[in-house]
Amino acid sequence: MVYIFGQVDQTDERGCRTCVNIVVVWRLA
C-alpha cells in the first residue's frame, strides 16, 4: 500500500492530503 503515498501529491489538489495520510496509516495498521 506504499504506492498510495505517491498518489498523495495528486490528492493535494483537493486539499485532502492529510485525509489520505490517515487512510494510509489505517491500511498499514
Protein backbone atom coordinates (compact mmCIF):
# COMPACT_ATOMS: atom_id res chain seq x y z
CA MET A 1 0.00 0.00 0.00
CA VAL A 2 3.09 2.22 -0.01
CA TYR A 3 2.26 3.27 -3.58
CA ILE A 4 -0.61 5.30 -2.07
CA PHE A 5 1.99 7.80 -0.80
CA GLY A 6 2.85 8.54 -4.45
CA GLN A 7 -0.78 9.50 -5.09
CA VAL A 8 -0.83 11.77 -2.06
CA ASP A 9 0.68 14.55 -4.19
CA GLN A 10 -2.21 14.28 -6.67
CA THR A 11 -4.75 14.29 -3.86
CA ASP A 12 -3.23 17.58 -2.65
CA GLU A 13 -5.28 19.29 -5.39
CA ARG A 14 -8.38 18.51 -3.33
CA GLY A 15 -6.63 19.68 -0.19
CA CYS A 16 -7.30 16.30 1.41
CA ARG A 17 -3.69 15.19 1.56
CA THR A 18 -3.98 14.78 5.33
CA CYS A 19 -7.05 12.55 4.91
CA VAL A 20 -5.09 10.27 2.59
CA ASN A 21 -2.21 10.08 5.06
CA ILE A 22 -4.65 8.94 7.77
CA VAL A 23 -6.08 6.28 5.45
CA VAL A 24 -2.59 5.03 4.62
CA VAL A 25 -1.78 4.69 8.31
CA TRP A 26 -5.03 2.80 8.85
CA ARG A 27 -4.15 0.45 5.99
CA LEU A 28 -0.70 -0.18 7.44
CA ALA A 29 -2.23 -0.72 10.86
